[in-house]
Amino acid sequence: MIETERLIIRPWQESDRAPFAAMGQDEAVRRFLGPPQSREESDATVDRLIALQSAYGYCFWALQHRTDGAFLGFCGLKPGPAGTPIADAIEIGWRLAVPYWRQGYAREAAVASLDWAWQNLAANTVYAMTVPANIASWGLMERLGMQRLAQLDFDHPDVPDGDPLKPHIVYGINRPANRPFVNQIPR
């Protein structure tokens, strides 16, 4: 669990499934992700994230507001998707419910997730991806200090040909020089 000034960033709980499913039905949330998700698809996403947490010790974690306990969405880290230029590298991502947009929550959670990555993972670079039209997402990437890596842009293999959401752009951020990886696990 990671705590920030306003957030608790934590593993998924059963109580997160309903509000996450509601996000999956929100056309504004899904605008750059694809069609609305059924409850079964939403639950399958949560199941995959829980499995990643179990396998790696991290995932796109659930975000909870510290004051009222509300579920805001997710932010965190996971291996990049297969078939993409960032496959198996560390990917950072976020998704929030509309009432929590434009309040700095995604940035707060992303900064904390990056800090966790530099402290706990040996990765030298963390990547992010989105569609070119998702200005809010790549704008946050830039505010985090991420740089556009146009040479890694790609057509997402899970998106049908001809779909305007198929092209993806990639950003990356390198490990800060003042944050060497020191959490070596003894063997």
N, C-alpha and C. Protein backbone atom coordinates (compact mmCIF):
# COMPACT_ATOMS: atom_id res chain seq x y z
N MET A 1 0.84 -1.18 0.00
CA MET A 1 0.00 0.00 0.00
C MET A 1 0.89 1.25 0.00
N ILE A 2 0.50 2.23 -0.80
CA ILE A 2 1.21 3.50 -0.88
C ILE A 2 0.22 4.58 -0.45
N GLU A 3 0.67 5.49 0.39
CA GLU A 3 -0.19 6.60 0.80
C GLU A 3 0.41 7.91 0.33
N THR A 4 -0.45 8.77 -0.18
CA THR A 4 -0.06 10.12 -0.56
C THR A 4 -0.89 11.08 0.29
N GLU A 5 -0.78 12.35 0.00
CA GLU A 5 -1.53 13.33 0.77
C GLU A 5 -3.03 13.05 0.73
N ARG A 6 -3.55 12.67 -0.46
CA ARG A 6 -5.01 12.49 -0.60
C ARG A 6 -5.44 11.08 -0.94
N LEU A 7 -4.49 10.19 -1.22
CA LEU A 7 -4.84 8.88 -1.77
C LEU A 7 -4.24 7.72 -1.01
N ILE A 8 -4.93 6.60 -1.11
CA ILE A 8 -4.38 5.30 -0.74
C ILE A 8 -4.33 4.50 -2.03
N ILE A 9 -3.14 4.05 -2.39
CA ILE A 9 -2.91 3.26 -3.60
C ILE A 9 -2.68 1.84 -3.11
N ARG A 10 -3.58 0.93 -3.48
CA ARG A 10 -3.59 -0.38 -2.82
C ARG A 10 -4.01 -1.49 -3.76
N PRO A 11 -3.77 -2.74 -3.33
CA PRO A 11 -4.29 -3.88 -4.11
C PRO A 11 -5.82 -3.83 -4.19
N TRP A 12 -6.33 -4.52 -5.18
CA TRP A 12 -7.77 -4.55 -5.44
C TRP A 12 -8.51 -5.32 -4.37
N GLN A 13 -9.76 -4.88 -4.10
CA GLN A 13 -10.67 -5.53 -3.16
C GLN A 13 -11.97 -5.86 -3.90
N GLU A 14 -12.71 -6.79 -3.38
CA GLU A 14 -14.00 -7.16 -4.00
C GLU A 14 -14.92 -5.96 -4.13
N SER A 15 -14.85 -5.06 -3.15
CA SER A 15 -15.73 -3.88 -3.17
C SER A 15 -15.40 -2.91 -4.30
N ASP A 16 -14.26 -3.09 -4.96
CA ASP A 16 -13.88 -2.21 -6.07
C ASP A 16 -14.56 -2.61 -7.37
N ARG A 17 -15.07 -3.83 -7.44
CA ARG A 17 -15.59 -4.34 -8.72
C ARG A 17 -16.78 -3.54 -9.25
N ALA A 18 -17.72 -3.20 -8.40
CA ALA A 18 -18.91 -2.47 -8.88
C ALA A 18 -18.56 -1.06 -9.37
N PRO A 19 -17.81 -0.26 -8.61
CA PRO A 19 -17.49 1.07 -9.14
C PRO A 19 -16.58 1.01 -10.37
N PHE A 20 -15.71 -0.01 -10.46
CA PHE A 20 -14.88 -0.15 -11.65
C PHE A 20 -15.74 -0.54 -12.85
N ALA A 21 -16.73 -1.39 -12.63
CA ALA A 21 -17.65 -1.76 -13.71
C ALA A 21 -18.43 -0.53 -14.18
N ALA A 22 -18.82 0.33 -13.26
CA ALA A 22 -19.53 1.56 -13.65
C ALA A 22 -18.62 2.44 -14.51
N MET A 23 -17.34 2.51 -14.18
CA MET A 23 -16.39 3.26 -15.01
C MET A 23 -16.32 2.66 -16.41
N GLY A 24 -16.37 1.34 -16.48
CA GLY A 24 -16.29 0.64 -17.76
C GLY A 24 -17.50 0.87 -18.65
N GLN A 25 -18.58 1.38 -18.09
CA GLN A 25 -19.79 1.70 -18.85
C GLN A 25 -19.86 3.18 -19.21
N ASP A 26 -18.96 3.96 -18.66
CA ASP A 26 -18.98 5.41 -18.88
C ASP A 26 -18.30 5.73 -20.21
N GLU A 27 -19.05 6.31 -21.14
CA GLU A 27 -18.50 6.60 -22.47
C GLU A 27 -17.35 7.59 -22.41
N ALA A 28 -17.37 8.52 -21.47
CA ALA A 28 -16.26 9.48 -21.35
C ALA A 28 -14.99 8.76 -20.92
N VAL A 29 -15.10 7.86 -19.97
CA VAL A 29 -13.94 7.10 -19.51
C VAL A 29 -13.40 6.22 -20.63
N ARG A 30 -14.29 5.63 -21.41
CA ARG A 30 -13.90 4.66 -22.45
C ARG A 30 -13.57 5.33 -23.79
N ARG A 31 -13.67 6.64 -23.86
CA ARG A 31 -13.51 7.35 -25.13
C ARG A 31 -12.26 6.95 -25.92
N PHE A 32 -11.15 6.78 -25.23
CA PHE A 32 -9.89 6.44 -25.90
C PHE A 32 -9.48 4.99 -25.64
N LEU A 33 -10.40 4.20 -25.10
CA LEU A 33 -10.08 2.81 -24.75
C LEU A 33 -10.86 1.80 -25.58
N GLY A 34 -11.97 2.21 -26.13
CA GLY A 34 -12.81 1.28 -26.88
C GLY A 34 -14.22 1.28 -26.35
N PRO A 35 -15.03 0.35 -26.83
CA PRO A 35 -16.45 0.34 -26.43
C PRO A 35 -16.63 0.06 -24.95
N PRO A 36 -17.79 0.41 -24.41
CA PRO A 36 -18.07 0.11 -23.00
C PRO A 36 -17.85 -1.37 -22.70
N GLN A 37 -17.45 -1.64 -21.47
CA GLN A 37 -17.20 -3.01 -21.04
C GLN A 37 -18.43 -3.57 -20.34
N SER A 38 -18.69 -4.84 -20.59
CA SER A 38 -19.72 -5.54 -19.82
C SER A 38 -19.19 -5.78 -18.41
N ARG A 39 -20.06 -6.16 -17.50
CA ARG A 39 -19.62 -6.47 -16.13
C ARG A 39 -18.62 -7.62 -16.16
N GLU A 40 -18.86 -8.61 -17.03
CA GLU A 40 -17.95 -9.75 -17.12
C GLU A 40 -16.56 -9.31 -17.60
N GLU A 41 -16.52 -8.42 -18.60
CA GLU A 41 -15.23 -7.90 -19.08
C GLU A 41 -14.52 -7.08 -18.01
N SER A 42 -15.29 -6.28 -17.31
CA SER A 42 -14.72 -5.47 -16.23
C SER A 42 -14.15 -6.37 -15.13
N ASP A 43 -14.91 -7.38 -14.73
CA ASP A 43 -14.43 -8.30 -13.69
C ASP A 43 -13.19 -9.06 -14.16
N ALA A 44 -13.14 -9.39 -15.45
CA ALA A 44 -11.96 -10.08 -15.99
C ALA A 44 -10.73 -9.18 -15.92
N THR A 45 -10.91 -7.87 -16.16
CA THR A 45 -9.81 -6.93 -16.03
C THR A 45 -9.30 -6.90 -14.59
N VAL A 46 -10.22 -6.82 -13.63
CA VAL A 46 -9.83 -6.82 -12.22
C VAL A 46 -9.10 -8.13 -11.90
N ASP A 47 -9.61 -9.25 -12.39
CA ASP A 47 -8.96 -10.54 -12.14
C ASP A 47 -7.53 -10.55 -12.68
N ARG A 48 -7.33 -9.99 -13.89
CA ARG A 48 -5.98 -9.93 -14.47
C ARG A 48 -5.05 -9.06 -13.60
N LEU A 49 -5.58 -7.95 -13.10
CA LEU A 49 -4.77 -7.07 -12.26
C LEU A 49 -4.42 -7.75 -10.93
N ILE A 50 -5.36 -8.46 -10.36
CA ILE A 50 -5.08 -9.21 -9.12
C ILE A 50 -4.01 -10.27 -9.38
N ALA A 51 -4.09 -10.94 -10.53
CA ALA A 51 -3.09 -11.96 -10.89
C ALA A 51 -1.71 -11.32 -11.07
N LEU A 52 -1.65 -10.13 -11.68
CA LEU A 52 -0.37 -9.44 -11.83
C LEU A 52 0.21 -9.07 -10.47
N GLN A 53 -0.64 -8.59 -9.57
CA GLN A 53 -0.19 -8.26 -8.22
C GLN A 53 0.41 -9.50 -7.55
N SER A 54 -0.26 -10.63 -7.70
CA SER A 54 0.21 -11.87 -7.10
C SER A 54 1.54 -12.33 -7.72
N ALA A 55 1.65 -12.21 -9.03
CA ALA A 55 2.84 -12.70 -9.74
C ALA A 55 4.05 -11.78 -9.59
N TYR A 56 3.82 -10.46 -9.63
CA TYR A 56 4.93 -9.51 -9.67
C TYR A 56 5.08 -8.64 -8.43
N GLY A 57 4.02 -8.53 -7.63
CA GLY A 57 4.06 -7.64 -6.48
C GLY A 57 3.62 -6.23 -6.81
N TYR A 58 3.12 -6.01 -8.03
CA TYR A 58 2.61 -4.71 -8.44
C TYR A 58 1.62 -4.90 -9.58
N CYS A 59 0.83 -3.88 -9.82
CA CYS A 59 -0.15 -3.89 -10.91
C CYS A 59 -0.68 -2.47 -11.05
N PHE A 60 -1.68 -2.27 -11.89
CA PHE A 60 -2.40 -1.02 -11.88
C PHE A 60 -3.30 -1.10 -10.63
N TRP A 61 -2.84 -0.48 -9.54
CA TRP A 61 -3.51 -0.59 -8.24
C TRP A 61 -4.79 0.24 -8.17
N ALA A 62 -5.65 -0.15 -7.26
CA ALA A 62 -6.87 0.62 -7.00
C ALA A 62 -6.50 1.91 -6.26
N LEU A 63 -7.23 2.98 -6.57
CA LEU A 63 -7.05 4.26 -5.90
C LEU A 63 -8.24 4.52 -4.99
N GLN A 64 -7.94 4.86 -3.77
CA GLN A 64 -8.98 5.15 -2.79
C GLN A 64 -8.71 6.51 -2.19
N HIS A 65 -9.76 7.30 -2.04
CA HIS A 65 -9.61 8.62 -1.41
C HIS A 65 -9.39 8.41 0.08
N ARG A 66 -8.40 9.10 0.63
CA ARG A 66 -8.07 8.91 2.06
C ARG A 66 -9.17 9.39 2.98
N THR A 67 -9.86 10.47 2.60
CA THR A 67 -10.85 11.03 3.54
C THR A 67 -12.14 10.25 3.60
N ASP A 68 -12.71 9.95 2.44
CA ASP A 68 -14.02 9.29 2.47
C ASP A 68 -14.00 7.84 1.99
N GLY A 69 -12.84 7.32 1.60
CA GLY A 69 -12.74 5.92 1.18
C GLY A 69 -13.28 5.64 -0.21
N ALA A 70 -13.65 6.68 -0.96
CA ALA A 70 -14.24 6.47 -2.29
C ALA A 70 -13.22 5.83 -3.24
N PHE A 71 -13.71 4.96 -4.11
CA PHE A 71 -12.91 4.36 -5.17
C PHE A 71 -12.83 5.38 -6.31
N LEU A 72 -11.60 5.76 -6.71
CA LEU A 72 -11.41 6.77 -7.74
C LEU A 72 -11.09 6.17 -9.10
N GLY A 73 -10.48 4.98 -9.11
CA GLY A 73 -10.02 4.37 -10.35
C GLY A 73 -8.78 3.57 -10.09
N PHE A 74 -7.80 3.65 -11.02
CA PHE A 74 -6.55 2.93 -10.79
C PHE A 74 -5.36 3.72 -11.29
N CYS A 75 -4.19 3.35 -10.77
CA CYS A 75 -2.91 3.86 -11.23
C CYS A 75 -1.86 2.89 -10.72
N GLY A 76 -0.84 2.69 -11.51
CA GLY A 76 0.23 1.82 -11.05
C GLY A 76 1.09 1.35 -12.19
N LEU A 77 1.65 0.18 -12.01
CA LEU A 77 2.66 -0.36 -12.89
C LEU A 77 2.32 -1.80 -13.25
N LYS A 78 2.71 -2.19 -14.45
CA LYS A 78 2.55 -3.58 -14.86
C LYS A 78 3.50 -3.85 -16.01
N PRO A 79 3.72 -5.12 -16.35
CA PRO A 79 4.52 -5.40 -17.54
C PRO A 79 3.77 -4.89 -18.78
N GLY A 80 4.51 -4.31 -19.72
CA GLY A 80 3.91 -3.83 -20.96
C GLY A 80 3.26 -4.98 -21.71
N PRO A 81 2.24 -4.68 -22.53
CA PRO A 81 1.49 -5.73 -23.20
C PRO A 81 2.29 -6.46 -24.28
N ALA A 82 2.03 -7.75 -24.39
CA ALA A 82 2.66 -8.57 -25.43
C ALA A 82 2.36 -8.01 -26.80
N GLY A 83 3.31 -8.17 -27.70
CA GLY A 83 3.10 -7.74 -29.07
C GLY A 83 3.30 -6.25 -29.29
N THR A 84 3.79 -5.54 -28.26
CA THR A 84 4.05 -4.10 -28.37
C THR A 84 5.54 -3.85 -28.14
N PRO A 85 6.05 -2.69 -28.51
CA PRO A 85 7.47 -2.39 -28.28
C PRO A 85 7.85 -2.32 -26.80
N ILE A 86 6.86 -2.20 -25.92
CA ILE A 86 7.18 -2.15 -24.49
C ILE A 86 6.81 -3.46 -23.79
N ALA A 87 6.66 -4.52 -24.55
CA ALA A 87 6.32 -5.82 -23.97
C ALA A 87 7.32 -6.18 -22.88
N ASP A 88 6.77 -6.51 -21.73
CA ASP A 88 7.54 -6.95 -20.56
C ASP A 88 8.39 -5.87 -19.91
N ALA A 89 8.45 -4.67 -20.47
CA ALA A 89 9.08 -3.55 -19.78
C ALA A 89 8.06 -3.05 -18.75
N ILE A 90 8.44 -2.11 -17.92
CA ILE A 90 7.52 -1.58 -16.92
C ILE A 90 6.68 -0.47 -17.54
N GLU A 91 5.37 -0.65 -17.48
CA GLU A 91 4.42 0.34 -17.99
C GLU A 91 3.70 0.98 -16.81
N ILE A 92 3.56 2.30 -16.85
CA ILE A 92 2.73 3.01 -15.88
C ILE A 92 1.43 3.38 -16.58
N GLY A 93 0.33 3.31 -15.85
CA GLY A 93 -0.95 3.67 -16.41
C GLY A 93 -1.91 4.15 -15.34
N TRP A 94 -2.97 4.79 -15.78
CA TRP A 94 -3.98 5.35 -14.87
C TRP A 94 -5.31 5.41 -15.58
N ARG A 95 -6.36 5.38 -14.80
CA ARG A 95 -7.73 5.57 -15.29
C ARG A 95 -8.58 5.97 -14.09
N LEU A 96 -9.25 7.10 -14.20
CA LEU A 96 -10.07 7.60 -13.10
C LEU A 96 -11.50 7.79 -13.55
N ALA A 97 -12.42 7.67 -12.60
CA ALA A 97 -13.82 7.98 -12.85
C ALA A 97 -13.95 9.48 -13.09
N VAL A 98 -14.89 9.87 -13.92
CA VAL A 98 -15.05 11.26 -14.35
C VAL A 98 -15.13 12.26 -13.19
N PRO A 99 -15.84 11.97 -12.09
CA PRO A 99 -15.89 12.97 -11.02
C PRO A 99 -14.53 13.34 -10.42
N TYR A 100 -13.49 12.53 -10.72
CA TYR A 100 -12.17 12.77 -10.14
C TYR A 100 -11.17 13.32 -11.16
N TRP A 101 -11.65 13.65 -12.36
CA TRP A 101 -10.78 14.24 -13.38
C TRP A 101 -10.43 15.68 -13.00
N ARG A 102 -9.29 16.13 -13.50
CA ARG A 102 -8.83 17.53 -13.40
C ARG A 102 -8.70 18.04 -11.97
N GLN A 103 -8.35 17.13 -11.06
CA GLN A 103 -8.13 17.52 -9.67
C GLN A 103 -6.73 17.14 -9.19
N GLY A 104 -5.90 16.64 -10.11
CA GLY A 104 -4.53 16.29 -9.75
C GLY A 104 -4.36 14.91 -9.16
N TYR A 105 -5.43 14.12 -9.09
CA TYR A 105 -5.32 12.78 -8.50
C TYR A 105 -4.45 11.85 -9.35
N ALA A 106 -4.61 11.89 -10.66
CA ALA A 106 -3.81 11.00 -11.52
C ALA A 106 -2.33 11.34 -11.38
N ARG A 107 -2.01 12.61 -11.37
CA ARG A 107 -0.60 12.99 -11.23
C ARG A 107 -0.07 12.58 -9.86
N GLU A 108 -0.83 12.81 -8.83
CA GLU A 108 -0.40 12.44 -7.47
C GLU A 108 -0.13 10.94 -7.39
N ALA A 109 -1.02 10.15 -7.96
CA ALA A 109 -0.86 8.69 -7.94
C ALA A 109 0.30 8.25 -8.82
N ALA A 110 0.47 8.90 -9.98
CA ALA A 110 1.55 8.53 -10.90
C ALA A 110 2.91 8.86 -10.30
N VAL A 111 3.05 10.00 -9.66
CA VAL A 111 4.31 10.37 -9.01
C VAL A 111 4.65 9.33 -7.94
N ALA A 112 3.66 8.95 -7.15
CA ALA A 112 3.89 7.94 -6.10
C ALA A 112 4.23 6.58 -6.71
N SER A 113 3.59 6.23 -7.81
CA SER A 113 3.88 4.95 -8.47
C SER A 113 5.30 4.94 -9.05
N LEU A 114 5.70 6.05 -9.66
CA LEU A 114 7.07 6.13 -10.18
C LEU A 114 8.09 6.05 -9.04
N ASP A 115 7.81 6.74 -7.95
CA ASP A 115 8.71 6.68 -6.79
C ASP A 115 8.83 5.23 -6.29
N TRP A 116 7.68 4.53 -6.25
CA TRP A 116 7.70 3.14 -5.82
C TRP A 116 8.54 2.31 -6.80
N ALA A 117 8.40 2.56 -8.10
CA ALA A 117 9.16 1.81 -9.11
C ALA A 117 10.66 2.02 -8.90
N TRP A 118 11.09 3.26 -8.73
CA TRP A 118 12.53 3.51 -8.57
C TRP A 118 13.06 2.88 -7.30
N GLN A 119 12.23 2.77 -6.29
CA GLN A 119 12.67 2.17 -5.02
C GLN A 119 12.66 0.65 -5.06
N ASN A 120 11.73 0.05 -5.82
CA ASN A 120 11.51 -1.39 -5.71
C ASN A 120 11.80 -2.21 -6.96
N LEU A 121 11.97 -1.58 -8.10
CA LEU A 121 12.19 -2.32 -9.34
C LEU A 121 13.54 -1.94 -9.94
N ALA A 122 14.19 -2.89 -10.57
CA ALA A 122 15.51 -2.65 -11.16
C ALA A 122 15.43 -1.98 -12.53
N ALA A 123 14.25 -1.67 -13.00
CA ALA A 123 14.07 -1.07 -14.33
C ALA A 123 14.78 0.28 -14.44
N ASN A 124 15.40 0.51 -15.58
CA ASN A 124 16.02 1.81 -15.84
C ASN A 124 15.06 2.78 -16.49
N THR A 125 13.97 2.27 -17.07
CA THR A 125 13.00 3.12 -17.76
C THR A 125 11.60 2.61 -17.45
N VAL A 126 10.68 3.54 -17.28
CA VAL A 126 9.25 3.23 -17.15
C VAL A 126 8.58 3.88 -18.36
N TYR A 127 7.68 3.14 -19.00
CA TYR A 127 7.02 3.58 -20.22
C TYR A 127 5.54 3.81 -19.99
N ALA A 128 4.94 4.60 -20.86
CA ALA A 128 3.50 4.80 -20.87
C ALA A 128 3.07 4.88 -22.33
N MET A 129 1.81 4.55 -22.57
CA MET A 129 1.30 4.60 -23.94
C MET A 129 -0.14 5.07 -23.93
N THR A 130 -0.54 5.66 -25.04
CA THR A 130 -1.92 6.09 -25.21
C THR A 130 -2.15 6.31 -26.70
N VAL A 131 -3.36 6.66 -27.05
CA VAL A 131 -3.66 7.02 -28.43
C VAL A 131 -3.31 8.50 -28.62
N PRO A 132 -2.93 8.91 -29.84
CA PRO A 132 -2.54 10.31 -30.05
C PRO A 132 -3.60 11.33 -29.65
N ALA A 133 -4.87 10.98 -29.80
CA ALA A 133 -5.94 11.92 -29.48
C ALA A 133 -6.14 12.15 -27.98
N ASN A 134 -5.57 11.30 -27.15
CA ASN A 134 -5.77 11.41 -25.70
C ASN A 134 -4.80 12.44 -25.11
N ILE A 135 -5.09 13.69 -25.39
CA ILE A 135 -4.23 14.80 -24.99
C ILE A 135 -4.06 14.86 -23.47
N ALA A 136 -5.12 14.59 -22.71
CA ALA A 136 -5.01 14.64 -21.26
C ALA A 136 -4.00 13.62 -20.75
N SER A 137 -4.00 12.43 -21.33
CA SER A 137 -3.09 11.38 -20.87
C SER A 137 -1.65 11.69 -21.24
N TRP A 138 -1.39 12.02 -22.51
CA TRP A 138 0.01 12.30 -22.84
C TRP A 138 0.46 13.63 -22.25
N GLY A 139 -0.48 14.52 -21.98
CA GLY A 139 -0.13 15.75 -21.28
C GLY A 139 0.37 15.46 -19.87
N LEU A 140 -0.29 14.51 -19.20
CA LEU A 140 0.18 14.10 -17.87
C LEU A 140 1.55 13.44 -17.98
N MET A 141 1.74 12.62 -19.00
CA MET A 141 3.05 11.99 -19.19
C MET A 141 4.14 13.07 -19.26
N GLU A 142 3.87 14.12 -20.01
CA GLU A 142 4.86 15.19 -20.14
C GLU A 142 5.05 15.93 -18.82
N ARG A 143 3.97 16.16 -18.07
CA ARG A 143 4.10 16.83 -16.76
C ARG A 143 4.88 15.98 -15.77
N LEU A 144 4.87 14.66 -15.97
CA LEU A 144 5.66 13.75 -15.12
C LEU A 144 7.13 13.75 -15.50
N GLY A 145 7.47 14.41 -16.60
CA GLY A 145 8.85 14.44 -17.07
C GLY A 145 9.15 13.35 -18.09
N MET A 146 8.11 12.66 -18.56
CA MET A 146 8.30 11.63 -19.56
C MET A 146 8.58 12.28 -20.92
N GLN A 147 9.33 11.58 -21.74
CA GLN A 147 9.68 12.06 -23.08
C GLN A 147 9.02 11.19 -24.12
N ARG A 148 8.57 11.81 -25.20
CA ARG A 148 7.98 11.07 -26.32
C ARG A 148 9.06 10.25 -27.00
N LEU A 149 8.77 8.98 -27.23
CA LEU A 149 9.69 8.06 -27.89
C LEU A 149 9.04 7.61 -29.20
N ALA A 150 9.01 8.52 -30.17
CA ALA A 150 8.29 8.27 -31.43
C ALA A 150 8.77 7.01 -32.14
N GLN A 151 10.02 6.62 -31.93
CA GLN A 151 10.53 5.42 -32.57
C GLN A 151 9.85 4.15 -32.03
N LEU A 152 9.15 4.27 -30.91
CA LEU A 152 8.44 3.12 -30.33
C LEU A 152 6.93 3.16 -30.60
N ASP A 153 6.44 4.19 -31.27
CA ASP A 153 5.01 4.25 -31.59
C ASP A 153 4.62 2.99 -32.37
N PHE A 154 3.38 2.55 -32.20
CA PHE A 154 2.98 1.27 -32.79
C PHE A 154 1.47 1.21 -32.99
N ASP A 155 1.04 0.25 -33.77
CA ASP A 155 -0.37 -0.09 -33.91
C ASP A 155 -0.67 -1.20 -32.92
N HIS A 156 -1.62 -0.94 -32.02
CA HIS A 156 -1.90 -1.91 -30.95
C HIS A 156 -2.46 -3.20 -31.53
N PRO A 157 -1.84 -4.34 -31.20
CA PRO A 157 -2.27 -5.62 -31.77
C PRO A 157 -3.66 -6.07 -31.33
N ASP A 158 -4.17 -5.53 -30.23
CA ASP A 158 -5.49 -5.93 -29.72
C ASP A 158 -6.62 -5.07 -30.25
N VAL A 159 -6.29 -4.09 -31.09
CA VAL A 159 -7.30 -3.18 -31.64
C VAL A 159 -7.47 -3.52 -33.12
N PRO A 160 -8.72 -3.66 -33.60
CA PRO A 160 -8.94 -4.03 -35.00
C PRO A 160 -8.36 -3.03 -36.00
N ASP A 161 -7.92 -3.55 -37.13
CA ASP A 161 -7.44 -2.68 -38.22
C ASP A 161 -8.54 -1.69 -38.60
N GLY A 162 -8.14 -0.48 -38.89
CA GLY A 162 -9.09 0.55 -39.29
C GLY A 162 -9.71 1.31 -38.13
N ASP A 163 -9.56 0.81 -36.91
CA ASP A 163 -10.10 1.49 -35.73
C ASP A 163 -9.21 2.70 -35.43
N PRO A 164 -9.79 3.88 -35.20
CA PRO A 164 -8.97 5.06 -34.91
C PRO A 164 -8.17 4.93 -33.61
N LEU A 165 -8.49 3.94 -32.78
CA LEU A 165 -7.76 3.73 -31.53
C LEU A 165 -6.58 2.77 -31.71
N LYS A 166 -6.32 2.30 -32.92
CA LYS A 166 -5.23 1.36 -33.15
C LYS A 166 -3.84 2.01 -32.98
N PRO A 167 -3.58 3.20 -33.57
CA PRO A 167 -2.25 3.81 -33.39
C PRO A 167 -2.02 4.25 -31.94
N HIS A 168 -0.85 3.92 -31.41
CA HIS A 168 -0.47 4.31 -30.05
C HIS A 168 0.86 5.03 -30.07
N ILE A 169 0.98 5.98 -29.17
CA ILE A 169 2.24 6.68 -28.98
C ILE A 169 2.84 6.25 -27.65
N VAL A 170 4.16 6.34 -27.56
CA VAL A 170 4.87 5.85 -26.38
C VAL A 170 5.71 6.98 -25.77
N TYR A 171 5.69 7.04 -24.46
CA TYR A 171 6.53 7.95 -23.69
C TYR A 171 7.37 7.11 -22.72
N GLY A 172 8.47 7.67 -22.27
CA GLY A 172 9.31 6.98 -21.31
C GLY A 172 9.98 7.96 -20.38
N ILE A 173 10.34 7.45 -19.21
CA ILE A 173 11.11 8.24 -18.25
C ILE A 173 12.19 7.33 -17.69
N ASN A 174 13.41 7.86 -17.65
CA ASN A 174 14.54 7.10 -17.14
C ASN A 174 14.67 7.26 -15.64
N ARG A 175 15.27 6.27 -15.04
CA ARG A 175 15.55 6.31 -13.61
C ARG A 175 16.38 7.57 -13.31
N PRO A 176 15.96 8.35 -12.34
CA PRO A 176 16.76 9.54 -11.98
C PRO A 176 18.15 9.12 -11.48
N ALA A 177 19.14 9.92 -11.82
CA ALA A 177 20.52 9.61 -11.42
C ALA A 177 20.66 9.53 -9.91
N ASN A 178 19.83 10.28 -9.20
CA ASN A 178 19.92 10.27 -7.74
C ASN A 178 19.08 9.16 -7.10
N ARG A 179 18.56 8.23 -7.92
CA ARG A 179 17.74 7.14 -7.41
C ARG A 179 18.28 5.78 -7.87
N PRO A 180 19.53 5.43 -7.52
CA PRO A 180 20.03 4.12 -7.93
C PRO A 180 19.22 3.02 -7.25
N PHE A 181 19.12 1.90 -7.94
CA PHE A 181 18.37 0.77 -7.38
C PHE A 181 19.22 0.11 -6.30
N VAL A 182 18.70 0.05 -5.08
CA VAL A 182 19.46 -0.51 -3.97
C VAL A 182 18.76 -1.67 -3.26
N ASN A 183 17.52 -1.95 -3.61
CA ASN A 183 16.77 -3.00 -2.93
C ASN A 183 17.05 -4.38 -3.50
N GLN A 184 18.31 -4.73 -3.61
CA GLN A 184 18.66 -6.05 -4.13
C GLN A 184 18.21 -7.11 -3.15
N ILE A 185 17.57 -8.12 -3.66
CA ILE A 185 17.10 -9.22 -2.83
C ILE A 185 18.23 -10.23 -2.70
N PRO A 186 18.65 -10.56 -1.46
CA PRO A 186 19.75 -11.52 -1.31
C PRO A 186 19.35 -12.89 -1.85
N ARG A 187 20.30 -13.58 -2.44
CA ARG A 187 20.05 -14.92 -2.98
C ARG A 187 20.76 -15.96 -2.15
